[in-house]
């Protein structure tokens, strides 16, 4: 199969758009979930929250789990 070239700059911009979308959507979802948990009295601000994100690109066989602890105080 012959190697096909692609526009690296365009592809890089597509990755950046995707990451921006993920970042903004994730932040909004986390903030909304925290507000809802606070309103229901289900949140202990003295305990950090463990956030887990799974990045997957099935066509490339890529699956990566990224974890981070979110301090509340």
Protein backbone atom coordinates (compact mmCIF):
# COMPACT_ATOMS: atom_id res chain seq x y z
CA UNK A 1 0.00 0.00 0.00
CA UNK A 2 1.58 3.32 -1.02
CA UNK A 3 2.14 5.90 1.70
CA UNK A 4 -0.27 8.81 1.46
CA UNK A 5 0.72 12.24 2.63
CA UNK A 6 -1.49 14.59 4.59
CA UNK A 7 -1.48 18.24 5.54
CA UNK A 8 0.33 18.15 8.89
CA UNK A 9 -0.58 21.76 9.75
CA UNK A 10 -4.27 21.16 9.09
CA UNK A 11 -4.19 17.94 11.10
CA UNK A 12 -2.46 19.71 14.02
CA UNK A 13 -5.18 22.37 13.96
CA UNK A 14 -7.85 19.64 14.03
CA UNK A 15 -6.19 18.10 17.09
CA UNK A 16 -6.13 21.50 18.79
CA UNK A 17 -9.84 22.04 18.04
CA UNK A 18 -10.63 18.63 19.50
CA UNK A 19 -8.58 19.30 22.65
CA UNK A 20 -10.20 22.71 23.11
CA UNK A 21 -13.65 21.12 22.81
CA UNK A 22 -12.71 18.40 25.30
CA UNK A 23 -11.27 20.93 27.74
CA UNK A 24 -14.20 23.33 27.66
CA UNK A 25 -16.83 20.58 27.78
CA UNK A 26 -15.03 18.78 30.60
CA UNK A 27 -14.67 21.93 32.69
CA UNK A 28 -18.36 22.79 32.33
CA UNK A 29 -19.42 19.23 33.17
CA UNK A 30 -17.19 19.06 36.26
CA UNK A 31 -18.31 22.48 37.52
CA UNK A 32 -21.99 21.56 37.04
CA UNK A 33 -21.53 18.22 38.81
CA UNK A 34 -19.76 19.91 41.73
CA UNK A 35 -22.54 22.50 42.07
CA UNK A 36 -25.19 19.76 42.00
CA UNK A 37 -23.32 17.68 44.60
CA UNK A 38 -22.95 20.77 46.81
CA UNK A 39 -26.66 21.55 46.52
CA UNK A 40 -27.52 17.98 47.53
CA UNK A 41 -25.05 18.03 50.41
CA UNK A 42 -23.08 15.18 48.86
CA UNK A 43 -19.73 16.94 48.61
CA UNK A 44 -17.00 17.14 51.23
CA UNK A 45 -14.76 20.04 50.17
CA UNK A 46 -11.98 18.77 52.43
CA UNK A 47 -11.60 15.70 50.21
CA UNK A 48 -10.06 16.02 46.75
CA UNK A 49 -11.80 14.67 43.67
CA UNK A 50 -10.12 12.12 41.42
CA UNK A 51 -10.69 12.97 37.77
CA UNK A 52 -10.12 10.33 35.09
CA UNK A 53 -10.12 10.95 31.35
CA UNK A 54 -9.83 8.25 28.70
CA UNK A 55 -8.49 9.27 25.31
CA UNK A 56 -9.29 6.81 22.58
CA UNK A 57 -8.63 6.79 18.84
CA UNK A 58 -9.83 3.35 17.78
CA UNK A 59 -8.45 3.58 14.24
CA UNK A 60 -4.95 3.98 15.67
CA UNK A 61 -5.30 1.46 18.48
CA UNK A 62 -4.71 4.33 20.93
CA UNK A 63 -6.23 4.20 24.39
CA UNK A 64 -4.74 6.33 27.16
CA UNK A 65 -6.06 6.95 30.65
CA UNK A 66 -5.12 10.24 32.30
CA UNK A 67 -5.76 10.82 35.99
CA UNK A 68 -5.50 13.93 38.15
CA UNK A 69 -6.51 14.83 41.70
CA UNK A 70 -8.58 18.03 41.93
CA UNK A 71 -8.06 19.80 45.25
CA UNK A 72 -11.22 21.43 46.59
CA UNK A 73 -9.52 23.67 49.15
